PDB file of N, CA and C in Angstrom:
ATOM      1  N   MET A   1      92.385  72.623 108.464  1.00  0.00           N
ATOM      2  CA  MET A   1      93.721  71.433 108.829  1.00  0.00           C
ATOM      3  C   MET A   1      93.448  69.925 108.088  1.00  0.00           C
ATOM      4  N   LEU A   2      92.138  70.114 108.523  1.00  0.00           N
ATOM      5  CA  LEU A   2      91.636  68.837 108.240  1.00  0.00           C
ATOM      6  C   LEU A   2      91.170  68.876 106.304  1.00  0.00           C
ATOM      7  N   ASN A   3      90.902  69.981 106.017  1.00  0.00           N
ATOM      8  CA  ASN A   3      90.632  69.861 104.920  1.00  0.00           C
ATOM      9  C   ASN A   3      92.507  69.863 103.958  1.00  0.00           C
ATOM     10  N   ALA A   4      93.118  70.262 104.609  1.00  0.00           N
ATOM     11  CA  ALA A   4      94.648  69.861 103.964  1.00  0.00           C
ATOM     12  C   ALA A   4      95.306  68.463 104.544  1.00  0.00           C
ATOM     13  N   GLU A   5      95.045  67.943 105.282  1.00  0.00           N
ATOM     14  CA  GLU A   5      95.056  66.133 106.043  1.00  0.00           C
ATOM     15  C   GLU A   5      94.500  65.516 104.840  1.00  0.00           C
ATOM     16  N   THR A   6      92.818  65.909 104.600  1.00  0.00           N
ATOM     17  CA  THR A   6      92.408  65.060 103.680  1.00  0.00           C
ATOM     18  C   THR A   6      93.032  65.097 102.276  1.00  0.00           C
ATOM     19  N   LYS A   7      93.422  66.220 101.949  1.00  0.00           N
ATOM     20  CA  LYS A   7      93.909  66.532 100.608  1.00  0.00           C
ATOM     21  C   LYS A   7      95.163  66.163  99.969  1.00  0.00           C
ATOM     22  N   GLU A   8      96.081  65.789 101.401  1.00  0.00           N
ATOM     23  CA  GLU A   8      96.969  64.702 101.734  1.00  0.00           C
ATOM     24  C   GLU A   8      96.455  63.396 101.304  1.00  0.00           C
ATOM     25  N   ARG A   9      95.830  63.132 102.119  1.00  0.00           N
ATOM     26  CA  ARG A   9      95.392  61.457 102.164  1.00  0.00           C
ATOM     27  C   ARG A   9      95.098  61.485 100.532  1.00  0.00           C
ATOM     28  N   VAL A  10      94.500  62.323 100.349  1.00  0.00           N
ATOM     29  CA  VAL A  10      93.637  61.955  98.251  1.00  0.00           C
ATOM     30  C   VAL A  10      94.555  62.218  97.786  1.00  0.00           C
ATOM     31  N   GLU A  11      95.715  62.968  97.644  1.00  0.00           N
ATOM     32  CA  GLU A  11      96.850  63.139  96.948  1.00  0.00           C
ATOM     33  C   GLU A  11      97.670  62.047  97.001  1.00  0.00           C
ATOM     34  N   ILE A  12      97.616  60.769  98.441  1.00  0.00           N
ATOM     35  CA  ILE A  12      98.727  59.738  98.264  1.00  0.00           C
ATOM     36  C   ILE A  12      97.857  58.610  97.735  1.00  0.00           C
ATOM     37  N   PHE A  13      96.351  58.392  98.221  1.00  0.00           N
ATOM     38  CA  PHE A  13      95.791  57.661  97.731  1.00  0.00           C
ATOM     39  C   PHE A  13      95.745  57.492  95.872  1.00  0.00           C
ATOM     40  N   ASN A  14      95.846  58.597  95.256  1.00  0.00           N
ATOM     41  CA  ASN A  14      95.961  58.499  94.165  1.00  0.00           C
ATOM     42  C   ASN A  14      97.039  58.546  93.744  1.00  0.00           C
ATOM     43  N   GLY A  15      98.130  58.708  94.511  1.00  0.00           N
ATOM     44  CA  GLY A  15      99.358  58.506  93.592  1.00  0.00           C
ATOM     45  C   GLY A  15      99.765  56.534  94.127  1.00  0.00           C
ATOM     46  N   ILE A  16      99.125  56.034  94.831  1.00  0.00           N
ATOM     47  CA  ILE A  16      99.276  55.034  95.433  1.00  0.00           C
ATOM     48  C   ILE A  16      98.454  53.957  94.389  1.00  0.00           C
ATOM     49  N   ASN A  17      97.170  54.657  94.076  1.00  0.00           N
ATOM     50  CA  ASN A  17      96.563  54.339  92.946  1.00  0.00           C
ATOM     51  C   ASN A  17      97.138  53.880  91.763  1.00  0.00           C
ATOM     52  N   GLN A  18      97.554  55.458  90.971  1.00  0.00           N
ATOM     53  CA  GLN A  18      98.808  55.327  90.269  1.00  0.00           C
ATOM     54  C   GLN A  18      99.624  54.479  89.403  1.00  0.00           C
ATOM     55  N   GLN A  19     100.201  54.312  90.820  1.00  0.00           N
ATOM     56  CA  GLN A  19     100.939  53.595  90.752  1.00  0.00           C
ATOM     57  C   GLN A  19     100.738  52.155  90.409  1.00  0.00           C
ATOM     58  N   LEU A  20      99.617  51.537  91.101  1.00  0.00           N
ATOM     59  CA  LEU A  20      99.014  49.919  90.860  1.00  0.00           C
ATOM     60  C   LEU A  20      98.314  50.219  89.533  1.00  0.00           C
ATOM     61  N   GLU A  21      97.790  51.438  89.190  1.00  0.00           N
ATOM     62  CA  GLU A  21      97.288  51.020  87.697  1.00  0.00           C
ATOM     63  C   GLU A  21      98.426  50.715  87.030  1.00  0.00           C
ATOM     64  N   GLY A  22      99.239  51.381  87.190  1.00  0.00           N
ATOM     65  CA  GLY A  22     101.063  50.823  85.951  1.00  0.00           C
ATOM     66  C   GLY A  22     101.102  49.766  86.510  1.00  0.00           C
ATOM     67  N   ASP A  23     101.180  49.320  87.598  1.00  0.00           N
ATOM     68  CA  ASP A  23     102.143  47.923  88.026  1.00  0.00           C
ATOM     69  C   ASP A  23     100.729  46.757  88.018  1.00  0.00           C
ATOM     70  N   LEU A  24      99.815  47.013  88.032  1.00  0.00           N
ATOM     71  CA  LEU A  24      98.895  45.827  87.443  1.00  0.00           C
ATOM     72  C   LEU A  24      99.161  45.148  86.451  1.00  0.00           C
ATOM     73  N   PRO A  25      99.130  45.685  85.276  1.00  0.00           N
ATOM     74  CA  PRO A  25      98.999  45.119  84.061  1.00  0.00           C
ATOM     75  C   PRO A  25     100.316  44.317  83.898  1.00  0.00           C
ATOM     76  N   LYS A  26     101.741  44.980  84.335  1.00  0.00           N
ATOM     77  CA  LYS A  26     102.824  43.830  84.767  1.00  0.00           C
ATOM     78  C   LYS A  26     102.667  42.784  85.363  1.00  0.00           C
ATOM     79  N   ILE A  27     101.458  42.808  86.660  1.00  0.00           N
ATOM     80  CA  ILE A  27     101.537  41.563  87.105  1.00  0.00           C
ATOM     81  C   ILE A  27     100.449  40.546  86.628  1.00  0.00           C
ATOM     82  N   TYR A  28      99.668  41.306  86.018  1.00  0.00           N
ATOM     83  CA  TYR A  28      98.963  39.792  85.205  1.00  0.00           C
ATOM     84  C   TYR A  28      99.763  39.727  84.218  1.00  0.00           C
ATOM     85  N   GLN A  29     100.462  40.433  83.184  1.00  0.00           N
ATOM     86  CA  GLN A  29     101.243  39.565  83.015  1.00  0.00           C
ATOM     87  C   GLN A  29     102.098  38.795  83.036  1.00  0.00           C
ATOM     88  N   LEU A  30     102.976  39.522  83.962  1.00  0.00           N
ATOM     89  CA  LEU A  30     103.095  38.394  84.779  1.00  0.00           C
ATOM     90  C   LEU A  30     103.318  36.526  84.849  1.00  0.00           C
ATOM     91  N   VAL A  31     101.749  36.981  85.572  1.00  0.00           N
ATOM     92  CA  VAL A  31     101.072  35.649  86.320  1.00  0.00           C
ATOM     93  C   VAL A  31     100.539  34.620  84.789  1.00  0.00           C
ATOM     94  N   GLU A  32     100.133  35.430  84.061  1.00  0.00           N
ATOM     95  CA  GLU A  32     100.020  34.980  82.528  1.00  0.00           C
ATOM     96  C   GLU A  32     101.400  34.599  81.924  1.00  0.00           C
ATOM     97  N   GLN A  33     102.441  34.996  82.276  1.00  0.00           N
ATOM     98  CA  GLN A  33     103.692  34.828  81.719  1.00  0.00           C
ATOM     99  C   GLN A  33     103.893  33.059  81.911  1.00  0.00           C
ATOM    100  N   GLU A  34     104.331  33.208  83.397  1.00  0.00           N
ATOM    101  CA  GLU A  34     104.146  31.901  83.924  1.00  0.00           C
ATOM    102  C   GLU A  34     103.191  30.680  84.435  1.00  0.00           C
ATOM    103  N   ASN A  35     101.876  31.197  83.685  1.00  0.00           N
ATOM    104  CA  ASN A  35     100.873  29.935  83.944  1.00  0.00           C
ATOM    105  C   ASN A  35     101.838  29.702  82.379  1.00  0.00           C
ATOM    106  N   LEU A  36     101.831  30.455  81.309  1.00  0.00           N
ATOM    107  CA  LEU A  36     102.498  29.497  80.103  1.00  0.00           C
ATOM    108  C   LEU A  36     102.798  28.720  80.336  1.00  0.00           C
ATOM    109  N   GLU A  37     104.444  29.333  80.762  1.00  0.00           N
ATOM    110  CA  GLU A  37     105.846  28.140  81.050  1.00  0.00           C
ATOM    111  C   GLU A  37     105.172  27.039  82.070  1.00  0.00           C
ATOM    112  N   ARG A  38     104.593  27.154  83.028  1.00  0.00           N
ATOM    113  CA  ARG A  38     104.111  26.223  84.128  1.00  0.00           C
ATOM    114  C   ARG A  38     103.024  25.317  83.281  1.00  0.00           C
ATOM    115  N   GLU A  39     102.303  25.945  82.279  1.00  0.00           N
ATOM    116  CA  GLU A  39     101.845  24.673  80.883  1.00  0.00           C
ATOM    117  C   GLU A  39     102.735  24.325  79.821  1.00  0.00           C
ATOM    118  N   GLU A  40     103.842  24.759  79.304  1.00  0.00           N
ATOM    119  CA  GLU A  40     104.834  24.606  78.646  1.00  0.00           C
ATOM    120  C   GLU A  40     105.610  23.576  79.445  1.00  0.00           C
ATOM    121  N   ASN A  41     106.205  23.649  80.457  1.00  0.00           N
ATOM    122  CA  ASN A  41     106.707  22.388  81.674  1.00  0.00           C
ATOM    123  C   ASN A  41     105.880  21.589  81.681  1.00  0.00           C
ATOM    124  N   ASP A  42     104.639  21.651  81.747  1.00  0.00           N
ATOM    125  CA  ASP A  42     103.518  20.057  82.169  1.00  0.00           C
ATOM    126  C   ASP A  42     104.012  19.197  81.010  1.00  0.00           C
ATOM    127  N   LYS A  43     103.743  20.063  79.741  1.00  0.00           N
ATOM    128  CA  LYS A  43     103.525  19.651  78.425  1.00  0.00           C
ATOM    129  C   LYS A  43     105.021  18.482  78.314  1.00  0.00           C
ATOM    130  N   ILE A  44     105.780  19.114  78.312  1.00  0.00           N
ATOM    131  CA  ILE A  44     107.063  18.788  78.316  1.00  0.00           C
ATOM    132  C   ILE A  44     107.667  17.058  79.098  1.00  0.00           C
ATOM    133  N   ALA A  45     106.786  17.637  80.437  1.00  0.00           N
ATOM    134  CA  ALA A  45     106.943  16.380  81.480  1.00  0.00           C
ATOM    135  C   ALA A  45     106.511  15.312  81.003  1.00  0.00           C
ATOM    136  N   LEU A  46     104.982  15.792  80.616  1.00  0.00           N
ATOM    137  CA  LEU A  46     104.178  14.459  80.112  1.00  0.00           C
ATOM    138  C   LEU A  46     104.748  14.041  78.859  1.00  0.00           C
ATOM    139  N   LYS A  47     105.529  14.149  77.854  1.00  0.00           N
ATOM    140  CA  LYS A  47     105.984  13.706  77.149  1.00  0.00           C
ATOM    141  C   LYS A  47     107.033  12.735  77.221  1.00  0.00           C
ATOM    142  N   LYS A  48     107.543  13.080  78.136  1.00  0.00           N
ATOM    143  CA  LYS A  48     108.701  12.144  78.176  1.00  0.00           C
ATOM    144  C   LYS A  48     108.526  11.469  79.302  1.00  0.00           C
ATOM    145  N   ILE A  49     107.097  11.141  80.292  1.00  0.00           N
ATOM    146  CA  ILE A  49     106.956  10.505  80.783  1.00  0.00           C
ATOM    147  C   ILE A  49     105.516   9.438  79.893  1.00  0.00           C
ATOM    148  N   GLN A  50     105.280   9.877  78.393  1.00  0.00           N
ATOM    149  CA  GLN A  50     104.707   9.077  78.033  1.00  0.00           C
ATOM    150  C   GLN A  50     106.079   8.222  76.914  1.00  0.00           C
ATOM    151  N   GLU A  51     106.997   8.893  76.465  1.00  0.00           N
ATOM    152  CA  GLU A  51     108.017   8.289  75.954  1.00  0.00           C
ATOM    153  C   GLU A  51     109.000   6.915  76.967  1.00  0.00           C
ATOM    154  N   GLU A  52     108.954   7.622  78.267  1.00  0.00           N
ATOM    155  CA  GLU A  52     109.201   6.842  79.046  1.00  0.00           C
ATOM    156  C   GLU A  52     108.757   5.185  78.984  1.00  0.00           C
ATOM    157  N   SER A  53     107.004   5.814  78.908  1.00  0.00           N
ATOM    158  CA  SER A  53     106.465   4.667  79.302  1.00  0.00           C
ATOM    159  C   SER A  53     106.525   4.276  78.134  1.00  0.00           C
ATOM    160  N   LYS A  54     106.760   4.121  76.788  1.00  0.00           N
ATOM    161  CA  LYS A  54     106.591   3.893  75.307  1.00  0.00           C
ATOM    162  C   LYS A  54     107.838   3.065  75.730  1.00  0.00           C
ATOM    163  N   LYS A  55     108.527   3.319  75.835  1.00  0.00           N
ATOM    164  CA  LYS A  55     110.142   2.360  76.123  1.00  0.00           C
ATOM    165  C   LYS A  55     110.213   1.255  76.894  1.00  0.00           C
ATOM    166  N   SER A  56     109.079   1.507  78.162  1.00  0.00           N
ATOM    167  CA  SER A  56     109.245   0.827  79.090  1.00  0.00           C
ATOM    168  C   SER A  56     108.440  -0.705  78.440  1.00  0.00           C
ATOM    169  N   LYS A  57     107.345  -0.573  77.567  1.00  0.00           N
ATOM    170  CA  LYS A  57     106.410  -0.911  77.089  1.00  0.00           C
ATOM    171  C   LYS A  57     106.977  -1.769  76.207  1.00  0.00           C
ATOM    172  N   GLU A  58     108.169  -1.370  75.100  1.00  0.00           N
ATOM    173  CA  GLU A  58     108.734  -1.940  74.229  1.00  0.00           C
ATOM    174  C   GLU A  58     109.256  -2.890  74.855  1.00  0.00           C
ATOM    175  N   ALA A  59     110.771  -2.488  75.866  1.00  0.00           N
ATOM    176  CA  ALA A  59     110.990  -3.386  76.639  1.00  0.00           C
ATOM    177  C   ALA A  59     110.850  -4.624  77.384  1.00  0.00           C
ATOM    178  N   ILE A  60     109.516  -4.077  77.216  1.00  0.00           N
ATOM    179  CA  ILE A  60     108.294  -5.963  78.561  1.00  0.00           C
ATOM    180  C   ILE A  60     108.206  -6.367  77.370  1.00  0.00           C
ATOM    181  N   ASN A  61     107.845  -6.410  76.332  1.00  0.00           N
ATOM    182  CA  ASN A  61     107.328  -6.358  75.258  1.00  0.00           C
ATOM    183  C   ASN A  61     108.509  -7.882  74.116  1.00  0.00           C
ATOM    184  N   GLN A  62     109.901  -7.276  74.352  1.00  0.00           N
ATOM    185  CA  GLN A  62     110.915  -7.759  73.791  1.00  0.00           C
ATOM    186  C   GLN A  62     110.797  -8.587  74.400  1.00  0.00           C
ATOM    187  N   TYR A  63     111.073  -8.273  76.169  1.00  0.00           N
ATOM    188  CA  TYR A  63     111.485  -9.604  76.539  1.00  0.00           C
ATOM    189  C   TYR A  63     110.577 -10.693  76.563  1.00  0.00           C
ATOM    190  N   LYS A  64     109.721 -10.180  76.712  1.00  0.00           N
ATOM    191  CA  LYS A  64     108.510 -10.637  76.436  1.00  0.00           C
ATOM    192  C   LYS A  64     108.758 -11.739  75.337  1.00  0.00           C
ATOM    193  N   LYS A  65     108.952 -11.821  74.457  1.00  0.00           N
ATOM    194  CA  LYS A  65     109.392 -11.908  72.748  1.00  0.00           C
ATOM    195  C   LYS A  65     110.812 -13.091  73.071  1.00  0.00           C
ATOM    196  N   ASN A  66     111.178 -12.399  73.379  1.00  0.00           N
ATOM    197  CA  ASN A  66     112.879 -13.611  73.653  1.00  0.00           C
ATOM    198  C   ASN A  66     112.109 -14.437  74.544  1.00  0.00           C
ATOM    199  N   ARG A  67     112.080 -14.571  75.630  1.00  0.00           N
ATOM    200  CA  ARG A  67     111.062 -15.805  76.788  1.00  0.00           C
ATOM    201  C   ARG A  67     110.726 -16.968  76.118  1.00  0.00           C
ATOM    202  N   GLU A  68     109.351 -16.235  75.312  1.00  0.00           N
ATOM    203  CA  GLU A  68     108.773 -17.100  73.606  1.00  0.00           C
ATOM    204  C   GLU A  68     109.690 -17.768  73.105  1.00  0.00           C
ATOM    205  N   GLU A  69     110.820 -17.355  72.886  1.00  0.00           N
ATOM    206  CA  GLU A  69     111.620 -17.755  71.672  1.00  0.00           C
ATOM    207  C   GLU A  69     112.386 -18.776  72.157  1.00  0.00           C
ATOM    208  N   SER A  70     113.058 -18.465  73.297  1.00  0.00           N
ATOM    209  CA  SER A  70     113.878 -19.451  74.710  1.00  0.00           C
ATOM    210  C   SER A  70     113.222 -20.403  74.782  1.00  0.00           C
ATOM    211  N   GLU A  71     112.231 -20.254  75.185  1.00  0.00           N
ATOM    212  CA  GLU A  71     110.618 -21.285  75.936  1.00  0.00           C
ATOM    213  C   GLU A  71     111.029 -22.252  74.105  1.00  0.00           C
ATOM    214  N   SER A  72     110.089 -21.615  73.201  1.00  0.00           N
ATOM    215  CA  SER A  72     109.776 -22.277  72.248  1.00  0.00           C
ATOM    216  C   SER A  72     111.085 -23.847  71.938  1.00  0.00           C
ATOM    217  N   ASN A  73     112.465 -22.542  71.434  1.00  0.00           N
ATOM    218  CA  ASN A  73     113.763 -23.894  71.603  1.00  0.00           C
ATOM    219  C   ASN A  73     113.861 -24.456  72.183  1.00  0.00           C
ATOM    220  N   ILE A  74     113.670 -24.795  73.885  1.00  0.00           N
ATOM    221  CA  ILE A  74     113.680 -25.384  74.538  1.00  0.00           C
ATOM    222  C   ILE A  74     112.794 -26.486  73.907  1.00  0.00           C
ATOM    223  N   LEU A  75     111.811 -26.232  74.305  1.00  0.00           N
ATOM    224  CA  LEU A  75     110.374 -27.315  73.795  1.00  0.00           C
ATOM    225  C   LEU A  75     111.403 -28.212  72.447  1.00  0.00           C
ATOM    226  N   ASP A  76     111.286 -27.248  71.430  1.00  0.00           N
ATOM    227  CA  ASP A  76     112.300 -27.701  70.254  1.00  0.00           C
ATOM    228  C   ASP A  76     113.258 -28.743  70.382  1.00  0.00           C
ATOM    229  N   MET A  77     114.227 -28.724  71.222  1.00  0.00           N
ATOM    230  CA  MET A  77     115.478 -29.381  71.931  1.00  0.00           C
ATOM    231  C   MET A  77     114.878 -30.527  73.167  1.00  0.00           C
ATOM    232  N   LEU A  78     114.002 -30.216  73.056  1.00  0.00           N
ATOM    233  CA  LEU A  78     113.540 -31.385  74.179  1.00  0.00           C
ATOM    234  C   LEU A  78     112.698 -32.053  73.378  1.00  0.00           C
ATOM    235  N   LYS A  79     112.217 -32.216  72.438  1.00  0.00           N
ATOM    236  CA  LYS A  79     111.303 -33.216  71.568  1.00  0.00           C
ATOM    237  C   LYS A  79     112.606 -33.473  70.140  1.00  0.00           C
ATOM    238  N   ASP A  80     113.138 -33.247  69.710  1.00  0.00           N
ATOM    239  CA  ASP A  80     114.537 -33.637  69.446  1.00  0.00           C
ATOM    240  C   ASP A  80     114.732 -34.596  70.192  1.00  0.00           C
ATOM    241  N   LEU A  81     115.394 -34.234  71.297  1.00  0.00           N
ATOM    242  CA  LEU A  81     115.867 -35.527  72.675  1.00  0.00           C
ATOM    243  C   LEU A  81     115.177 -36.824  72.086  1.00  0.00           C
ATOM    244  N   VAL A  82     113.426 -36.451  72.529  1.00  0.00           N
ATOM    245  CA  VAL A  82     112.507 -37.324  72.808  1.00  0.00           C
ATOM    246  C   VAL A  82     112.970 -38.090  71.540  1.00  0.00           C
ATOM    247  N   ASN A  83     113.106 -37.492  70.496  1.00  0.00           N
ATOM    248  CA  ASN A  83     113.225 -38.594  69.035  1.00  0.00           C
ATOM    249  C   ASN A  83     114.210 -38.976  69.214  1.00  0.00           C
ATOM    250  N   LYS A  84     115.030 -38.324  69.279  1.00  0.00           N
ATOM    251  CA  LYS A  84     117.092 -39.476  69.372  1.00  0.00           C
ATOM    252  C   LYS A  84     116.600 -40.602  70.364  1.00  0.00           C
ATOM    253  N   ILE A  85     116.281 -40.196  71.435  1.00  0.00           N
ATOM    254  CA  ILE A  85     116.442 -40.903  72.424  1.00  0.00           C
ATOM    255  C   ILE A  85     115.312 -42.544  71.664  1.00  0.00           C
ATOM    256  N   LYS A  86     113.983 -41.840  71.563  1.00  0.00           N
ATOM    257  CA  LYS A  86     112.835 -43.441  70.635  1.00  0.00           C
ATOM    258  C   LYS A  86     114.269 -44.058  69.448  1.00  0.00           C
ATOM    259  N   MET A  87     114.869 -42.944  68.622  1.00  0.00           N
ATOM    260  CA  MET A  87     115.537 -43.833  68.207  1.00  0.00           C
ATOM    261  C   MET A  87     116.068 -45.056  68.430  1.00  0.00           C
ATOM    262  N   GLN A  88     116.906 -44.456  69.192  1.00  0.00           N
ATOM    263  CA  GLN A  88     118.198 -45.349  69.675  1.00  0.00           C
ATOM    264  C   GLN A  88     117.495 -46.797  70.818  1.00  0.00           C
ATOM    265  N   ILE A  89     116.556 -46.464  71.039  1.00  0.00           N
ATOM    266  CA  ILE A  89     115.751 -47.128  72.242  1.00  0.00           C
ATOM    267  C   ILE A  89     114.797 -48.348  71.048  1.00  0.00           C
ATOM    268  N   ASP A  90     114.749 -47.606  69.794  1.00  0.00           N
ATOM    269  CA  ASP A  90     114.623 -48.940  68.331  1.00  0.00           C
ATOM    270  C   ASP A  90     115.618 -49.547  67.454  1.00  0.00           C
ATOM    271  N   ASP A  91     116.252 -48.450  67.503  1.00  0.00           N
ATOM    272  CA  ASP A  91     117.478 -49.153  67.629  1.00  0.00           C
ATOM    273  C   ASP A  91     118.219 -50.444  68.266  1.00  0.00           C
ATOM    274  N   GLU A  92     118.360 -49.927  69.285  1.00  0.00           N
ATOM    275  CA  GLU A  92     118.731 -51.442  70.449  1.00  0.00           C
ATOM    276  C   GLU A  92     117.364 -52.645  70.451  1.00  0.00           C
ATOM    277  N   ARG A  93     116.293 -52.077  69.777  1.00  0.00           N
ATOM    278  CA  ARG A  93     115.041 -53.217  70.318  1.00  0.00           C
ATOM    279  C   ARG A  93     115.508 -54.365  69.149  1.00  0.00           C
ATOM    280  N   ASN A  94     115.627 -53.645  67.557  1.00  0.00           N
ATOM    281  CA  ASN A  94     116.301 -53.900  66.326  1.00  0.00           C
ATOM    282  C   ASN A  94     117.025 -54.959  66.696  1.00  0.00           C
ATOM    283  N   ASP A  95     118.261 -54.611  67.236  1.00  0.00           N
ATOM    284  CA  ASP A  95     119.697 -55.285  67.025  1.00  0.00           C
ATOM    285  C   ASP A  95     119.494 -57.189  68.037  1.00  0.00           C
ATOM    286  N   ARG A  96     118.641 -56.290  69.429  1.00  0.00           N
ATOM    287  CA  ARG A  96     118.574 -57.648  70.094  1.00  0.00           C
ATOM    288  C   ARG A  96     117.583 -58.286  69.692  1.00  0.00           C
ATOM    289  N   GLU A  97     116.590 -58.158  69.123  1.00  0.00           N
ATOM    290  CA  GLU A  97     115.527 -59.002  68.000  1.00  0.00           C
ATOM    291  C   GLU A  97     116.450 -60.086  66.794  1.00  0.00           C
ATOM    292  N   GLN A  98     117.400 -58.886  66.521  1.00  0.00           N
ATOM    293  CA  GLN A  98     118.756 -59.658  65.155  1.00  0.00           C
ATOM    294  C   GLN A  98     119.273 -60.829  65.945  1.00  0.00           C
ATOM    295  N   SER A  99     120.020 -60.363  67.319  1.00  0.00           N
ATOM    296  CA  SER A  99     120.956 -61.433  68.302  1.00  0.00           C
ATOM    297  C   SER A  99     119.377 -62.208  68.801  1.00  0.00           C
ATOM    298  N   GLU A 100     118.680 -62.530  69.096  1.00  0.00           N
ATOM    299  CA  GLU A 100     117.849 -63.534  69.585  1.00  0.00           C
ATOM    300  C   GLU A 100     117.136 -64.573  68.593  1.00  0.00           C
ATOM    301  N   ASN A 101     116.844 -63.639  67.085  1.00  0.00           N
ATOM    302  CA  ASN A 101     116.867 -64.656  66.220  1.00  0.00           C
ATOM    303  C   ASN A 101     117.926 -65.241  65.736  1.00  0.00           C
ATOM    304  N   LEU A 102     119.243 -64.699  65.437  1.00  0.00           N
ATOM    305  CA  LEU A 102     120.415 -64.826  65.525  1.00  0.00           C
ATOM    306  C   LEU A 102     120.742 -66.744  65.781  1.00  0.00           C
ATOM    307  N   LEU A 103     120.259 -66.313  67.385  1.00  0.00           N
ATOM    308  CA  LEU A 103     120.733 -67.137  68.710  1.00  0.00           C
ATOM    309  C   LEU A 103     119.694 -68.137  68.772  1.00  0.00           C
ATOM    310  N   VAL A 104     118.436 -67.738  68.517  1.00  0.00           N
ATOM    311  CA  VAL A 104     117.475 -69.576  68.312  1.00  0.00           C
ATOM    312  C   VAL A 104     118.007 -70.222  66.693  1.00  0.00           C
ATOM    313  N   GLY A 105     118.136 -69.112  65.976  1.00  0.00           N
ATOM    314  CA  GLY A 105     118.430 -69.991  65.067  1.00  0.00           C
ATOM    315  C   GLY A 105     120.122 -70.926  64.887  1.00  0.00           C
ATOM    316  N   LEU A 106     120.454 -70.317  65.137  1.00  0.00           N
ATOM    317  CA  LEU A 106     122.091 -71.252  66.260  1.00  0.00           C
ATOM    318  C   LEU A 106     121.426 -72.688  66.522  1.00  0.00           C
ATOM    319  N   LEU A 107     120.801 -72.339  67.714  1.00  0.00           N
ATOM    320  CA  LEU A 107     120.121 -73.211  68.893  1.00  0.00           C
ATOM    321  C   LEU A 107     119.405 -74.188  68.074  1.00  0.00           C
ATOM    322  N   ASP A 108     118.781 -73.911  67.287  1.00  0.00           N
ATOM    323  CA  ASP A 108     117.905 -74.290  65.821  1.00  0.00           C
ATOM    324  C   ASP A 108     118.997 -75.243  65.345  1.00  0.00           C
ATOM    325  N   ASP A 109     119.599 -75.188  64.444  1.00  0.00           N
ATOM    326  CA  ASP A 109     120.230 -75.947  64.260  1.00  0.00           C
ATOM    327  C   ASP A 109     121.284 -76.916  64.976  1.00  0.00           C
ATOM    328  N   ALA A 110     121.746 -76.708  65.809  1.00  0.00           N
ATOM    329  CA  ALA A 110     122.747 -77.291  66.971  1.00  0.00           C
ATOM    330  C   ALA A 110     121.881 -78.157  67.271  1.00  0.00           C
ATOM    331  N   SER A 111     120.343 -78.201  67.506  1.00  0.00           N
ATOM    332  CA  SER A 111     119.353 -79.369  68.363  1.00  0.00           C
ATOM    333  C   SER A 111     119.182 -79.731  66.994  1.00  0.00           C
ATOM    334  N   ILE A 112     119.270 -80.027  66.231  1.00  0.00           N
ATOM    335  CA  ILE A 112     119.448 -80.379  64.247  1.00  0.00           C
ATOM    336  C   ILE A 112     120.141 -81.664  64.320  1.00  0.00           C
ATOM    337  N   LYS A 113     121.295 -80.964  64.517  1.00  0.00           N
ATOM    338  CA  LYS A 113     122.828 -81.649  64.581  1.00  0.00           C
ATOM    339  C   LYS A 113     122.254 -82.746  65.657  1.00  0.00           C
ATOM    340  N   ILE A 114     121.969 -82.318  67.349  1.00  0.00           N
ATOM    341  CA  ILE A 114     122.530 -83.099  67.714  1.00  0.00           C
ATOM    342  C   ILE A 114     121.549 -84.433  67.528  1.00  0.00           C
ATOM    343  N   CYS A 115     120.338 -83.976  67.350  1.00  0.00           N
ATOM    344  CA  CYS A 115     119.421 -85.267  66.983  1.00  0.00           C
ATOM    345  C   CYS A 115     119.858 -85.759  66.037  1.00  0.00           C
ATOM    346  N   GLN A 116     120.464 -85.413  65.089  1.00  0.00           N
ATOM    347  CA  GLN A 116     120.621 -86.265  63.935  1.00  0.00           C
ATOM    348  C   GLN A 116     121.922 -87.197  64.567  1.00  0.00           C
ATOM    349  N   ILE A 117     122.740 -86.709  65.410  1.00  0.00           N
ATOM    350  CA  ILE A 117     124.189 -87.857  65.827  1.00  0.00           C
ATOM    351  C   ILE A 117     122.834 -88.564  66.465  1.00  0.00           C
ATOM    352  N   ALA A 118     122.196 -88.403  67.232  1.00  0.00           N
ATOM    353  CA  ALA A 118     121.693 -89.010  68.142  1.00  0.00           C
ATOM    354  C   ALA A 118     121.285 -90.428  67.809  1.00  0.00           C
ATOM    355  N   LYS A 119     120.708 -89.688  66.529  1.00  0.00           N
ATOM    356  CA  LYS A 119     119.741 -91.084  65.787  1.00  0.00           C
ATOM    357  C   LYS A 119     121.001 -91.838  65.095  1.00  0.00           C
ATOM    358  N   VAL A 120     122.176 -91.203  65.240  1.00  0.00           N
ATOM    359  CA  VAL A 120     122.987 -92.415  64.001  1.00  0.00           C
ATOM    360  C   VAL A 120     123.841 -93.103  65.139  1.00  0.00           C
TER     361      VAL A 120
END
């Protein structure tokens, strides 16, 4: 009876062992396949992250370029405005000086005539 029970257990053990020997390579193969799929998914995710990072850097660089161009344009416009104002001030100064010279000339002529009339 003990021999029969031992023999039965050995047969069960051998059956389980044979089943495991058949299933273990499949399990190892599935694990390897899962690892490969995970690595491939990781590579795809990394590639997407790198692409998004590159797009973000390009967008930031474009924003900086646009801002610098805008600042440069504003600075140029301000310089032009300052130059126009300086030219207007110079033109008004010249007009005022010409008017003053004309008035001084008229006053000189008038004073000369008054002096001539007073001598007469």
